[in-house]
Amino acid sequence: MDLSTYTLPQLKQLQVRIDKAIARQQADLKGTMRKRLDKLAREHGLSLEELVAGTGDIVDARPPVQRAPVAAKYRHPSNRDLAWSGRGRTPHWVTAYLANGGTMDALAIAAEKLAPRLPRMR
């Protein structure tokens, strides 16, 4: 299908029709799957509601795992509020610092020096 021959209003109308077709097919699939699951549950002497809202034996309803924040591996030498764990996209302040002649080693050293101190155990 060559979409380059369509005008913008035609493309938008086509998009609306596609979205409606997707929603209709998803609804049909959900209905079909619900009937199949209900039939399977009844064959085993259960109701679908018992499986879904039961004691959790069948449906795994564990809460998502909470991850601890990662310690800062790099910190700006003159602004301790600017810190980066070294994961994900490089922050703009790191890019700017490197463009002005700074090094990643200097940022790592600053992170060590400016890291919050843990209280000593006596």
PDB file of N, CA and C in Angstrom:
ATOM      1  N   MET A   1       0.853  -1.166   0.000  1.00  0.00           N
ATOM      2  CA  MET A   1       0.000   0.000   0.000  1.00  0.00           C
ATOM      3  C   MET A   1       0.898   1.227   0.000  1.00  0.00           C
ATOM      4  N   ASP A   2       0.760   2.058  -1.021  1.00  0.00           N
ATOM      5  CA  ASP A   2       1.565   3.268  -1.146  1.00  0.00           C
ATOM      6  C   ASP A   2       0.811   4.431  -0.509  1.00  0.00           C
ATOM      7  N   LEU A   3       1.272   4.860   0.654  1.00  0.00           N
ATOM      8  CA  LEU A   3       0.589   5.930   1.381  1.00  0.00           C
ATOM      9  C   LEU A   3       0.972   7.322   0.889  1.00  0.00           C
ATOM     10  N   SER A   4       1.973   7.425   0.046  1.00  0.00           N
ATOM     11  CA  SER A   4       2.424   8.741  -0.412  1.00  0.00           C
ATOM     12  C   SER A   4       1.407   9.419  -1.327  1.00  0.00           C
ATOM     13  N   THR A   5       0.478   8.669  -1.878  1.00  0.00           N
ATOM     14  CA  THR A   5      -0.533   9.256  -2.765  1.00  0.00           C
ATOM     15  C   THR A   5      -1.712   9.830  -1.993  1.00  0.00           C
ATOM     16  N   TYR A   6      -1.789   9.560  -0.690  1.00  0.00           N
ATOM     17  CA  TYR A   6      -2.906  10.044   0.129  1.00  0.00           C
ATOM     18  C   TYR A   6      -2.637  11.468   0.602  1.00  0.00           C
ATOM     19  N   THR A   7      -3.707  12.236   0.753  1.00  0.00           N
ATOM     20  CA  THR A   7      -3.592  13.573   1.339  1.00  0.00           C
ATOM     21  C   THR A   7      -3.597  13.432   2.858  1.00  0.00           C
ATOM     22  N   LEU A   8      -3.226  14.507   3.554  1.00  0.00           N
ATOM     23  CA  LEU A   8      -3.192  14.474   5.014  1.00  0.00           C
ATOM     24  C   LEU A   8      -4.563  14.143   5.606  1.00  0.00           C
ATOM     25  N   PRO A   9      -5.649  14.778   5.149  1.00  0.00           N
ATOM     26  CA  PRO A   9      -6.966  14.409   5.705  1.00  0.00           C
ATOM     27  C   PRO A   9      -7.329  12.946   5.441  1.00  0.00           C
ATOM     28  N   GLN A  10      -6.944  12.421   4.288  1.00  0.00           N
ATOM     29  CA  GLN A  10      -7.218  11.023   3.982  1.00  0.00           C
ATOM     30  C   GLN A  10      -6.431  10.106   4.918  1.00  0.00           C
ATOM     31  N   LEU A  11      -5.184  10.462   5.180  1.00  0.00           N
ATOM     32  CA  LEU A  11      -4.361   9.657   6.088  1.00  0.00           C
ATOM     33  C   LEU A  11      -4.937   9.668   7.502  1.00  0.00           C
ATOM     34  N   LYS A  12      -5.400  10.846   7.946  1.00  0.00           N
ATOM     35  CA  LYS A  12      -5.992  10.936   9.287  1.00  0.00           C
ATOM     36  C   LYS A  12      -7.268  10.108   9.368  1.00  0.00           C
ATOM     37  N   GLN A  13      -8.073  10.133   8.307  1.00  0.00           N
ATOM     38  CA  GLN A  13      -9.296   9.329   8.290  1.00  0.00           C
ATOM     39  C   GLN A  13      -8.947   7.842   8.301  1.00  0.00           C
ATOM     40  N   LEU A  14      -7.924   7.479   7.562  1.00  0.00           N
ATOM     41  CA  LEU A  14      -7.470   6.089   7.546  1.00  0.00           C
ATOM     42  C   LEU A  14      -6.973   5.671   8.925  1.00  0.00           C
ATOM     43  N   GLN A  15      -6.273   6.564   9.610  1.00  0.00           N
ATOM     44  CA  GLN A  15      -5.772   6.265  10.943  1.00  0.00           C
ATOM     45  C   GLN A  15      -6.925   6.018  11.915  1.00  0.00           C
ATOM     46  N   VAL A  16      -7.984   6.822  11.827  1.00  0.00           N
ATOM     47  CA  VAL A  16      -9.157   6.639  12.688  1.00  0.00           C
ATOM     48  C   VAL A  16      -9.795   5.284  12.413  1.00  0.00           C
ATOM     49  N   ARG A  17      -9.915   4.942  11.130  1.00  0.00           N
ATOM     50  CA  ARG A  17     -10.510   3.647  10.776  1.00  0.00           C
ATOM     51  C   ARG A  17      -9.662   2.490  11.285  1.00  0.00           C
ATOM     52  N   ILE A  18      -8.331   2.638  11.191  1.00  0.00           N
ATOM     53  CA  ILE A  18      -7.425   1.582  11.674  1.00  0.00           C
ATOM     54  C   ILE A  18      -7.549   1.438  13.184  1.00  0.00           C
ATOM     55  N   ASP A  19      -7.572   2.552  13.912  1.00  0.00           N
ATOM     56  CA  ASP A  19      -7.704   2.504  15.376  1.00  0.00           C
ATOM     57  C   ASP A  19      -9.001   1.813  15.786  1.00  0.00           C
ATOM     58  N   LYS A  20     -10.100   2.114  15.069  1.00  0.00           N
ATOM     59  CA  LYS A  20     -11.381   1.474  15.375  1.00  0.00           C
ATOM     60  C   LYS A  20     -11.329  -0.019  15.081  1.00  0.00           C
ATOM     61  N   ALA A  21     -10.686  -0.393  13.973  1.00  0.00           N
ATOM     62  CA  ALA A  21     -10.577  -1.810  13.621  1.00  0.00           C
ATOM     63  C   ALA A  21      -9.742  -2.563  14.657  1.00  0.00           C
ATOM     64  N   ILE A  22      -8.661  -1.942  15.130  1.00  0.00           N
ATOM     65  CA  ILE A  22      -7.821  -2.571  16.166  1.00  0.00           C
ATOM     66  C   ILE A  22      -8.621  -2.759  17.444  1.00  0.00           C
ATOM     67  N   ALA A  23      -9.344  -1.732  17.869  1.00  0.00           N
ATOM     68  CA  ALA A  23     -10.139  -1.823  19.100  1.00  0.00           C
ATOM     69  C   ALA A  23     -11.208  -2.905  18.971  1.00  0.00           C
ATOM     70  N   ARG A  24     -11.857  -2.982  17.808  1.00  0.00           N
ATOM     71  CA  ARG A  24     -12.893  -3.985  17.596  1.00  0.00           C
ATOM     72  C   ARG A  24     -12.298  -5.398  17.658  1.00  0.00           C
ATOM     73  N   GLN A  25     -11.152  -5.610  17.010  1.00  0.00           N
ATOM     74  CA  GLN A  25     -10.533  -6.935  17.013  1.00  0.00           C
ATOM     75  C   GLN A  25     -10.034  -7.305  18.411  1.00  0.00           C
ATOM     76  N   GLN A  26      -9.512  -6.336  19.157  1.00  0.00           N
ATOM     77  CA  GLN A  26      -9.086  -6.624  20.529  1.00  0.00           C
ATOM     78  C   GLN A  26     -10.276  -7.029  21.388  1.00  0.00           C
ATOM     79  N   ALA A  27     -11.387  -6.324  21.239  1.00  0.00           N
ATOM     80  CA  ALA A  27     -12.587  -6.662  22.021  1.00  0.00           C
ATOM     81  C   ALA A  27     -13.088  -8.050  21.651  1.00  0.00           C
ATOM     82  N   ASP A  28     -13.093  -8.370  20.362  1.00  0.00           N
ATOM     83  CA  ASP A  28     -13.525  -9.702  19.924  1.00  0.00           C
ATOM     84  C   ASP A  28     -12.607 -10.782  20.490  1.00  0.00           C
ATOM     85  N   LEU A  29     -11.307 -10.538  20.451  1.00  0.00           N
ATOM     86  CA  LEU A  29     -10.346 -11.513  20.964  1.00  0.00           C
ATOM     87  C   LEU A  29     -10.518 -11.716  22.465  1.00  0.00           C
ATOM     88  N   LYS A  30     -10.718 -10.620  23.203  1.00  0.00           N
ATOM     89  CA  LYS A  30     -10.928 -10.742  24.652  1.00  0.00           C
ATOM     90  C   LYS A  30     -12.171 -11.560  24.949  1.00  0.00           C
ATOM     91  N   GLY A  31     -13.250 -11.331  24.200  1.00  0.00           N
ATOM     92  CA  GLY A  31     -14.483 -12.094  24.407  1.00  0.00           C
ATOM     93  C   GLY A  31     -14.280 -13.569  24.120  1.00  0.00           C
ATOM     94  N   THR A  32     -13.588 -13.862  23.016  1.00  0.00           N
ATOM     95  CA  THR A  32     -13.316 -15.253  22.655  1.00  0.00           C
ATOM     96  C   THR A  32     -12.451 -15.929  23.715  1.00  0.00           C
ATOM     97  N   MET A  33     -11.410 -15.240  24.151  1.00  0.00           N
ATOM     98  CA  MET A  33     -10.513 -15.826  25.162  1.00  0.00           C
ATOM     99  C   MET A  33     -11.247 -16.026  26.488  1.00  0.00           C
ATOM    100  N   ARG A  34     -12.098 -15.075  26.858  1.00  0.00           N
ATOM    101  CA  ARG A  34     -12.853 -15.219  28.104  1.00  0.00           C
ATOM    102  C   ARG A  34     -13.742 -16.459  28.048  1.00  0.00           C
ATOM    103  N   LYS A  35     -14.411 -16.685  26.917  1.00  0.00           N
ATOM    104  CA  LYS A  35     -15.267 -17.870  26.768  1.00  0.00           C
ATOM    105  C   LYS A  35     -14.449 -19.150  26.862  1.00  0.00           C
ATOM    106  N   ARG A  36     -13.272 -19.169  26.212  1.00  0.00           N
ATOM    107  CA  ARG A  36     -12.423 -20.366  26.253  1.00  0.00           C
ATOM    108  C   ARG A  36     -11.918 -20.634  27.674  1.00  0.00           C
ATOM    109  N   LEU A  37     -11.498 -19.567  28.369  1.00  0.00           N
ATOM    110  CA  LEU A  37     -11.005 -19.732  29.735  1.00  0.00           C
ATOM    111  C   LEU A  37     -12.127 -20.156  30.681  1.00  0.00           C
ATOM    112  N   ASP A  38     -13.315 -19.590  30.479  1.00  0.00           N
ATOM    113  CA  ASP A  38     -14.469 -19.952  31.312  1.00  0.00           C
ATOM    114  C   ASP A  38     -14.809 -21.421  31.120  1.00  0.00           C
ATOM    115  N   LYS A  39     -14.798 -21.871  29.864  1.00  0.00           N
ATOM    116  CA  LYS A  39     -15.087 -23.281  29.572  1.00  0.00           C
ATOM    117  C   LYS A  39     -14.040 -24.191  30.213  1.00  0.00           C
ATOM    118  N   LEU A  40     -12.773 -23.813  30.109  1.00  0.00           N
ATOM    119  CA  LEU A  40     -11.692 -24.615  30.694  1.00  0.00           C
ATOM    120  C   LEU A  40     -11.818 -24.674  32.216  1.00  0.00           C
ATOM    121  N   ALA A  41     -12.143 -23.548  32.831  1.00  0.00           N
ATOM    122  CA  ALA A  41     -12.309 -23.533  34.287  1.00  0.00           C
ATOM    123  C   ALA A  41     -13.473 -24.426  34.709  1.00  0.00           C
ATOM    124  N   ARG A  42     -14.601 -24.358  33.985  1.00  0.00           N
ATOM    125  CA  ARG A  42     -15.761 -25.191  34.322  1.00  0.00           C
ATOM    126  C   ARG A  42     -15.446 -26.669  34.176  1.00  0.00           C
ATOM    127  N   GLU A  43     -14.616 -27.025  33.187  1.00  0.00           N
ATOM    128  CA  GLU A  43     -14.218 -28.432  33.005  1.00  0.00           C
ATOM    129  C   GLU A  43     -13.460 -28.956  34.215  1.00  0.00           C
ATOM    130  N   HIS A  44     -12.840 -28.063  34.961  1.00  0.00           N
ATOM    131  CA  HIS A  44     -12.079 -28.452  36.153  1.00  0.00           C
ATOM    132  C   HIS A  44     -12.824 -28.116  37.438  1.00  0.00           C
ATOM    133  N   GLY A  45     -14.105 -27.802  37.324  1.00  0.00           N
ATOM    134  CA  GLY A  45     -14.929 -27.574  38.502  1.00  0.00           C
ATOM    135  C   GLY A  45     -14.735 -26.220  39.162  1.00  0.00           C
ATOM    136  N   LEU A  46     -14.248 -25.247  38.425  1.00  0.00           N
ATOM    137  CA  LEU A  46     -14.025 -23.915  38.972  1.00  0.00           C
ATOM    138  C   LEU A  46     -14.750 -22.885  38.114  1.00  0.00           C
ATOM    139  N   SER A  47     -14.881 -21.693  38.661  1.00  0.00           N
ATOM    140  CA  SER A  47     -15.390 -20.596  37.851  1.00  0.00           C
ATOM    141  C   SER A  47     -14.219 -19.683  37.508  1.00  0.00           C
ATOM    142  N   LEU A  48     -14.380 -18.939  36.444  1.00  0.00           N
ATOM    143  CA  LEU A  48     -13.321 -18.022  36.036  1.00  0.00           C
ATOM    144  C   LEU A  48     -13.088 -16.964  37.107  1.00  0.00           C
ATOM    145  N   GLU A  49     -14.140 -16.515  37.778  1.00  0.00           N
ATOM    146  CA  GLU A  49     -14.014 -15.530  38.845  1.00  0.00           C
ATOM    147  C   GLU A  49     -13.176 -16.072  40.000  1.00  0.00           C
ATOM    148  N   GLU A  50     -13.326 -17.378  40.290  1.00  0.00           N
ATOM    149  CA  GLU A  50     -12.513 -17.979  41.358  1.00  0.00           C
ATOM    150  C   GLU A  50     -11.034 -17.935  41.002  1.00  0.00           C
ATOM    151  N   LEU A  51     -10.745 -18.134  39.724  1.00  0.00           N
ATOM    152  CA  LEU A  51      -9.343 -18.113  39.307  1.00  0.00           C
ATOM    153  C   LEU A  51      -8.761 -16.704  39.345  1.00  0.00           C
ATOM    154  N   VAL A  52      -9.543 -15.746  38.920  1.00  0.00           N
ATOM    155  CA  VAL A  52      -9.041 -14.374  38.821  1.00  0.00           C
ATOM    156  C   VAL A  52      -9.012 -13.686  40.180  1.00  0.00           C
ATOM    157  N   ALA A  53     -10.074 -13.814  40.960  1.00  0.00           N
ATOM    158  CA  ALA A  53     -10.168 -13.108  42.235  1.00  0.00           C
ATOM    159  C   ALA A  53      -9.940 -14.036  43.418  1.00  0.00           C
ATOM    160  N   GLY A  54      -9.309 -15.154  43.191  1.00  0.00           N
ATOM    161  CA  GLY A  54      -9.113 -16.142  44.248  1.00  0.00           C
ATOM    162  C   GLY A  54      -8.086 -15.728  45.277  1.00  0.00           C
ATOM    163  N   THR A  55      -7.539 -16.707  45.927  1.00  0.00           N
ATOM    164  CA  THR A  55      -6.615 -16.466  47.028  1.00  0.00           C
ATOM    165  C   THR A  55      -5.219 -16.107  46.571  1.00  0.00           C
ATOM    166  N   GLY A  56      -5.010 -16.076  45.291  1.00  0.00           N
ATOM    167  CA  GLY A  56      -3.676 -15.767  44.785  1.00  0.00           C
ATOM    168  C   GLY A  56      -2.882 -17.016  44.484  1.00  0.00           C
ATOM    169  N   ASP A  57      -3.487 -18.190  44.695  1.00  0.00           N
ATOM    170  CA  ASP A  57      -2.786 -19.431  44.401  1.00  0.00           C
ATOM    171  C   ASP A  57      -2.563 -19.598  42.897  1.00  0.00           C
ATOM    172  N   ILE A  58      -3.522 -19.136  42.115  1.00  0.00           N
ATOM    173  CA  ILE A  58      -3.434 -19.333  40.678  1.00  0.00           C
ATOM    174  C   ILE A  58      -2.922 -18.076  39.990  1.00  0.00           C
ATOM    175  N   VAL A  59      -3.459 -16.938  40.347  1.00  0.00           N
ATOM    176  CA  VAL A  59      -3.029 -15.676  39.761  1.00  0.00           C
ATOM    177  C   VAL A  59      -1.919 -15.097  40.625  1.00  0.00           C
ATOM    178  N   ASP A  60      -0.792 -14.824  40.024  1.00  0.00           N
ATOM    179  CA  ASP A  60       0.350 -14.279  40.763  1.00  0.00           C
ATOM    180  C   ASP A  60       0.201 -12.770  40.843  1.00  0.00           C
ATOM    181  N   ALA A  61      -0.120 -12.264  42.024  1.00  0.00           N
ATOM    182  CA  ALA A  61      -0.357 -10.826  42.201  1.00  0.00           C
ATOM    183  C   ALA A  61       0.699 -10.204  43.095  1.00  0.00           C
ATOM    184  N   ARG A  62       1.964 -10.540  42.847  1.00  0.00           N
ATOM    185  CA  ARG A  62       3.037  -9.965  43.656  1.00  0.00           C
ATOM    186  C   ARG A  62       3.249  -8.506  43.299  1.00  0.00           C
ATOM    187  N   PRO A  63       3.536  -7.676  44.289  1.00  0.00           N
ATOM    188  CA  PRO A  63       3.816  -6.273  43.980  1.00  0.00           C
ATOM    189  C   PRO A  63       5.155  -6.163  43.258  1.00  0.00           C
ATOM    190  N   PRO A  64       5.361  -5.111  42.477  1.00  0.00           N
ATOM    191  CA  PRO A  64       6.640  -4.946  41.788  1.00  0.00           C
ATOM    192  C   PRO A  64       7.775  -4.766  42.788  1.00  0.00           C
ATOM    193  N   VAL A  65       8.934  -5.222  42.397  1.00  0.00           N
ATOM    194  CA  VAL A  65      10.113  -5.148  43.259  1.00  0.00           C
ATOM    195  C   VAL A  65      10.594  -3.705  43.328  1.00  0.00           C
ATOM    196  N   GLN A  66      10.804  -3.197  44.548  1.00  0.00           N
ATOM    197  CA  GLN A  66      11.334  -1.856  44.735  1.00  0.00           C
ATOM    198  C   GLN A  66      12.862  -1.951  44.754  1.00  0.00           C
ATOM    199  N   ARG A  67      13.489  -1.239  43.848  1.00  0.00           N
ATOM    200  CA  ARG A  67      14.945  -1.276  43.780  1.00  0.00           C
ATOM    201  C   ARG A  67      15.532  -0.085  44.523  1.00  0.00           C
ATOM    202  N   ALA A  68      16.641  -0.330  45.184  1.00  0.00           N
ATOM    203  CA  ALA A  68      17.318   0.742  45.906  1.00  0.00           C
ATOM    204  C   ALA A  68      18.014   1.661  44.900  1.00  0.00           C
ATOM    205  N   PRO A  69      18.062   2.941  45.174  1.00  0.00           N
ATOM    206  CA  PRO A  69      18.753   3.845  44.252  1.00  0.00           C
ATOM    207  C   PRO A  69      20.241   3.518  44.193  1.00  0.00           C
ATOM    208  N   VAL A  70      20.817   3.728  43.031  1.00  0.00           N
ATOM    209  CA  VAL A  70      22.227   3.432  42.812  1.00  0.00           C
ATOM    210  C   VAL A  70      23.062   4.621  43.289  1.00  0.00           C
ATOM    211  N   ALA A  71      24.163   4.343  43.941  1.00  0.00           N
ATOM    212  CA  ALA A  71      25.043   5.405  44.444  1.00  0.00           C
ATOM    213  C   ALA A  71      25.660   6.177  43.286  1.00  0.00           C
ATOM    214  N   ALA A  72      25.929   7.440  43.518  1.00  0.00           N
ATOM    215  CA  ALA A  72      26.524   8.292  42.490  1.00  0.00           C
ATOM    216  C   ALA A  72      27.963   7.869  42.244  1.00  0.00           C
ATOM    217  N   LYS A  73      28.287   7.645  40.984  1.00  0.00           N
ATOM    218  CA  LYS A  73      29.642   7.275  40.607  1.00  0.00           C
ATOM    219  C   LYS A  73      30.429   8.514  40.167  1.00  0.00           C
ATOM    220  N   TYR A  74      29.697   9.520  39.670  1.00  0.00           N
ATOM    221  CA  TYR A  74      30.311  10.761  39.216  1.00  0.00           C
ATOM    222  C   TYR A  74      29.573  11.937  39.839  1.00  0.00           C
ATOM    223  N   ARG A  75      30.324  12.974  40.231  1.00  0.00           N
ATOM    224  CA  ARG A  75      29.725  14.152  40.841  1.00  0.00           C
ATOM    225  C   ARG A  75      30.483  15.377  40.351  1.00  0.00           C
ATOM    226  N   HIS A  76      29.756  16.465  40.141  1.00  0.00           N
ATOM    227  CA  HIS A  76      30.382  17.705  39.672  1.00  0.00           C
ATOM    228  C   HIS A  76      31.260  18.256  40.799  1.00  0.00           C
ATOM    229  N   PRO A  77      32.500  18.639  40.493  1.00  0.00           N
ATOM    230  CA  PRO A  77      33.406  19.099  41.549  1.00  0.00           C
ATOM    231  C   PRO A  77      32.953  20.354  42.281  1.00  0.00           C
ATOM    232  N   SER A  78      32.228  21.241  41.615  1.00  0.00           N
ATOM    233  CA  SER A  78      31.846  22.485  42.282  1.00  0.00           C
ATOM    234  C   SER A  78      30.370  22.559  42.653  1.00  0.00           C
ATOM    235  N   ASN A  79      29.582  21.560  42.298  1.00  0.00           N
ATOM    236  CA  ASN A  79      28.164  21.551  42.638  1.00  0.00           C
ATOM    237  C   ASN A  79      27.775  20.136  43.057  1.00  0.00           C
ATOM    238  N   ARG A  80      27.717  19.883  44.340  1.00  0.00           N
ATOM    239  CA  ARG A  80      27.483  18.527  44.835  1.00  0.00           C
ATOM    240  C   ARG A  80      26.080  18.021  44.521  1.00  0.00           C
ATOM    241  N   ASP A  81      25.160  18.908  44.102  1.00  0.00           N
ATOM    242  CA  ASP A  81      23.816  18.475  43.738  1.00  0.00           C
ATOM    243  C   ASP A  81      23.787  17.756  42.390  1.00  0.00           C
ATOM    244  N   LEU A  82      24.800  17.975  41.567  1.00  0.00           N
ATOM    245  CA  LEU A  82      24.864  17.327  40.255  1.00  0.00           C
ATOM    246  C   LEU A  82      25.610  16.015  40.397  1.00  0.00           C
ATOM    247  N   ALA A  83      24.863  14.923  40.319  1.00  0.00           N
ATOM    248  CA  ALA A  83      25.465  13.598  40.465  1.00  0.00           C
ATOM    249  C   ALA A  83      24.885  12.668  39.411  1.00  0.00           C
ATOM    250  N   TRP A  84      25.652  11.649  39.045  1.00  0.00           N
ATOM    251  CA  TRP A  84      25.226  10.677  38.037  1.00  0.00           C
ATOM    252  C   TRP A  84      25.751   9.314  38.429  1.00  0.00           C
ATOM    253  N   SER A  85      24.912   8.288  38.308  1.00  0.00           N
ATOM    254  CA  SER A  85      25.292   6.926  38.679  1.00  0.00           C
ATOM    255  C   SER A  85      26.151   6.260  37.627  1.00  0.00           C
ATOM    256  N   GLY A  86      26.212   6.833  36.429  1.00  0.00           N
ATOM    257  CA  GLY A  86      26.968   6.209  35.346  1.00  0.00           C
ATOM    258  C   GLY A  86      26.081   5.327  34.487  1.00  0.00           C
ATOM    259  N   ARG A  87      24.804   5.240  34.848  1.00  0.00           N
ATOM    260  CA  ARG A  87      23.851   4.438  34.088  1.00  0.00           C
ATOM    261  C   ARG A  87      22.926   5.352  33.301  1.00  0.00           C
ATOM    262  N   GLY A  88      22.426   4.854  32.191  1.00  0.00           N
ATOM    263  CA  GLY A  88      21.484   5.636  31.401  1.00  0.00           C
ATOM    264  C   GLY A  88      22.195   6.689  30.562  1.00  0.00           C
ATOM    265  N   ARG A  89      21.401   7.635  30.075  1.00  0.00           N
ATOM    266  CA  ARG A  89      21.952   8.686  29.229  1.00  0.00           C
ATOM    267  C   ARG A  89      22.876   9.602  30.015  1.00  0.00           C
ATOM    268  N   THR A  90      23.891  10.093  29.340  1.00  0.00           N
ATOM    269  CA  THR A  90      24.837  11.011  29.962  1.00  0.00           C
ATOM    270  C   THR A  90      24.151  12.357  30.188  1.00  0.00           C
ATOM    271  N   PRO A  91      24.179  12.862  31.422  1.00  0.00           N
ATOM    272  CA  PRO A  91      23.552  14.159  31.700  1.00  0.00           C
ATOM    273  C   PRO A  91      24.269  15.290  30.949  1.00  0.00           C
ATOM    274  N   HIS A  92      23.532  16.372  30.725  1.00  0.00           N
ATOM    275  CA  HIS A  92      24.098  17.520  30.010  1.00  0.00           C
ATOM    276  C   HIS A  92      25.278  18.127  30.751  1.00  0.00           C
ATOM    277  N   TRP A  93      25.219  18.131  32.078  1.00  0.00           N
ATOM    278  CA  TRP A  93      26.313  18.752  32.819  1.00  0.00           C
ATOM    279  C   TRP A  93      27.606  17.973  32.642  1.00  0.00           C
ATOM    280  N   VAL A  94      27.527  16.636  32.460  1.00  0.00           N
ATOM    281  CA  VAL A  94      28.736  15.838  32.224  1.00  0.00           C
ATOM    282  C   VAL A  94      29.303  16.168  30.854  1.00  0.00           C
ATOM    283  N   THR A  95      28.427  16.227  29.857  1.00  0.00           N
ATOM    284  CA  THR A  95      28.860  16.560  28.501  1.00  0.00           C
ATOM    285  C   THR A  95      29.525  17.937  28.466  1.00  0.00           C
ATOM    286  N   ALA A  96      28.921  18.905  29.141  1.00  0.00           N
ATOM    287  CA  ALA A  96      29.481  20.260  29.180  1.00  0.00           C
ATOM    288  C   ALA A  96      30.822  20.272  29.907  1.00  0.00           C
ATOM    289  N   TYR A  97      30.916  19.536  31.005  1.00  0.00           N
ATOM    290  CA  TYR A  97      32.162  19.486  31.774  1.00  0.00           C
ATOM    291  C   TYR A  97      33.283  18.888  30.922  1.00  0.00           C
ATOM    292  N   LEU A  98      32.986  17.818  30.205  1.00  0.00           N
ATOM    293  CA  LEU A  98      33.995  17.187  29.347  1.00  0.00           C
ATOM    294  C   LEU A  98      34.373  18.099  28.181  1.00  0.00           C
ATOM    295  N   ALA A  99      33.413  18.838  27.634  1.00  0.00           N
ATOM    296  CA  ALA A  99      33.690  19.752  26.526  1.00  0.00           C
ATOM    297  C   ALA A  99      34.593  20.902  26.960  1.00  0.00           C
ATOM    298  N   ASN A 100      34.565  21.256  28.240  1.00  0.00           N
ATOM    299  CA  ASN A 100      35.407  22.333  28.756  1.00  0.00           C
ATOM    300  C   ASN A 100      36.742  21.827  29.270  1.00  0.00           C
ATOM    301  N   GLY A 101      37.117  20.602  28.924  1.00  0.00           N
ATOM    302  CA  GLY A 101      38.440  20.094  29.264  1.00  0.00           C
ATOM    303  C   GLY A 101      38.489  19.237  30.512  1.00  0.00           C
ATOM    304  N   GLY A 102      37.350  18.982  31.149  1.00  0.00           N
ATOM    305  CA  GLY A 102      37.339  18.117  32.323  1.00  0.00           C
ATOM    306  C   GLY A 102      37.459  16.649  31.947  1.00  0.00           C
ATOM    307  N   THR A 103      37.719  15.808  32.931  1.00  0.00           N
ATOM    308  CA  THR A 103      37.850  14.368  32.680  1.00  0.00           C
ATOM    309  C   THR A 103      36.869  13.593  33.549  1.00  0.00           C
ATOM    310  N   MET A 104      36.555  12.390  33.105  1.00  0.00           N
ATOM    311  CA  MET A 104      35.676  11.519  33.887  1.00  0.00           C
ATOM    312  C   MET A 104      36.352  11.134  35.205  1.00  0.00           C
ATOM    313  N   ASP A 105      37.673  11.020  35.186  1.00  0.00           N
ATOM    314  CA  ASP A 105      38.398  10.709  36.419  1.00  0.00           C
ATOM    315  C   ASP A 105      38.189  11.793  37.465  1.00  0.00           C
ATOM    316  N   ALA A 106      38.184  13.049  37.035  1.00  0.00           N
ATOM    317  CA  ALA A 106      37.966  14.154  37.969  1.00  0.00           C
ATOM    318  C   ALA A 106      36.562  14.075  38.561  1.00  0.00           C
ATOM    319  N   LEU A 107      35.587  13.691  37.747  1.00  0.00           N
ATOM    320  CA  LEU A 107      34.221  13.549  38.248  1.00  0.00           C
ATOM    321  C   LEU A 107      34.110  12.376  39.232  1.00  0.00           C
ATOM    322  N   ALA A 108      34.855  11.301  38.959  1.00  0.00           N
ATOM    323  CA  ALA A 108      34.837  10.149  39.862  1.00  0.00           C
ATOM    324  C   ALA A 108      35.503  10.496  41.190  1.00  0.00           C
ATOM    325  N   ILE A 109      36.595  11.232  41.127  1.00  0.00           N
ATOM    326  CA  ILE A 109      37.291  11.644  42.355  1.00  0.00           C
ATOM    327  C   ILE A 109      36.403  12.575  43.172  1.00  0.00           C
ATOM    328  N   ALA A 110      35.711  13.493  42.474  1.00  0.00           N
ATOM    329  CA  ALA A 110      34.794  14.404  43.166  1.00  0.00           C
ATOM    330  C   ALA A 110      33.670  13.625  43.831  1.00  0.00           C
ATOM    331  N   ALA A 111      33.217  12.559  43.194  1.00  0.00           N
ATOM    332  CA  ALA A 111      32.160  11.741  43.785  1.00  0.00           C
ATOM    333  C   ALA A 111      32.637  11.091  45.075  1.00  0.00           C
ATOM    334  N   GLU A 112      33.889  10.649  45.077  1.00  0.00           N
ATOM    335  CA  GLU A 112      34.442  10.043  46.293  1.00  0.00           C
ATOM    336  C   GLU A 112      34.585  11.073  47.412  1.00  0.00           C
ATOM    337  N   LYS A 113      35.079  12.248  47.059  1.00  0.00           N
ATOM    338  CA  LYS A 113      35.313  13.280  48.067  1.00  0.00           C
ATOM    339  C   LYS A 113      34.018  13.874  48.604  1.00  0.00           C
ATOM    340  N   LEU A 114      33.024  14.075  47.732  1.00  0.00           N
ATOM    341  CA  LEU A 114      31.792  14.749  48.124  1.00  0.00           C
ATOM    342  C   LEU A 114      30.666  13.796  48.515  1.00  0.00           C
ATOM    343  N   ALA A 115      30.954  12.516  48.547  1.00  0.00           N
ATOM    344  CA  ALA A 115      29.911  11.549  48.905  1.00  0.00           C
ATOM    345  C   ALA A 115      29.477  11.780  50.346  1.00  0.00           C
ATOM    346  N   PRO A 116      28.183  11.591  50.619  1.00  0.00           N
ATOM    347  CA  PRO A 116      27.732  11.745  52.006  1.00  0.00           C
ATOM    348  C   PRO A 116      28.422  10.730  52.908  1.00  0.00           C
ATOM    349  N   ARG A 117      28.832  11.193  54.037  1.00  0.00           N
ATOM    350  CA  ARG A 117      29.551  10.330  54.980  1.00  0.00           C
ATOM    351  C   ARG A 117      28.567   9.545  55.831  1.00  0.00           C
ATOM    352  N   LEU A 118      28.867   8.276  56.025  1.00  0.00           N
ATOM    353  CA  LEU A 118      28.046   7.455  56.919  1.00  0.00           C
ATOM    354  C   LEU A 118      28.538   7.659  58.344  1.00  0.00           C
ATOM    355  N   PRO A 119      27.627   7.682  59.306  1.00  0.00           N
ATOM    356  CA  PRO A 119      28.068   7.849  60.697  1.00  0.00           C
ATOM    357  C   PRO A 119      28.917   6.652  61.123  1.00  0.00           C
ATOM    358  N   ARG A 120      29.948   6.936  61.914  1.00  0.00           N
ATOM    359  CA  ARG A 120      30.818   5.871  62.405  1.00  0.00           C
ATOM    360  C   ARG A 120      30.171   5.133  63.544  1.00  0.00           C
ATOM    361  N   MET A 121      30.395   3.835  63.562  1.00  0.00           N
ATOM    362  CA  MET A 121      29.881   2.999  64.666  1.00  0.00           C
ATOM    363  C   MET A 121      30.893   3.060  65.804  1.00  0.00           C
ATOM    364  N   ARG A 122      30.434   3.349  66.984  1.00  0.00           N
ATOM    365  CA  ARG A 122      31.356   3.438  68.134  1.00  0.00           C
ATOM    366  C   ARG A 122      31.239   2.238  69.007  1.00  0.00           C
TER     367      ARG A 122
END
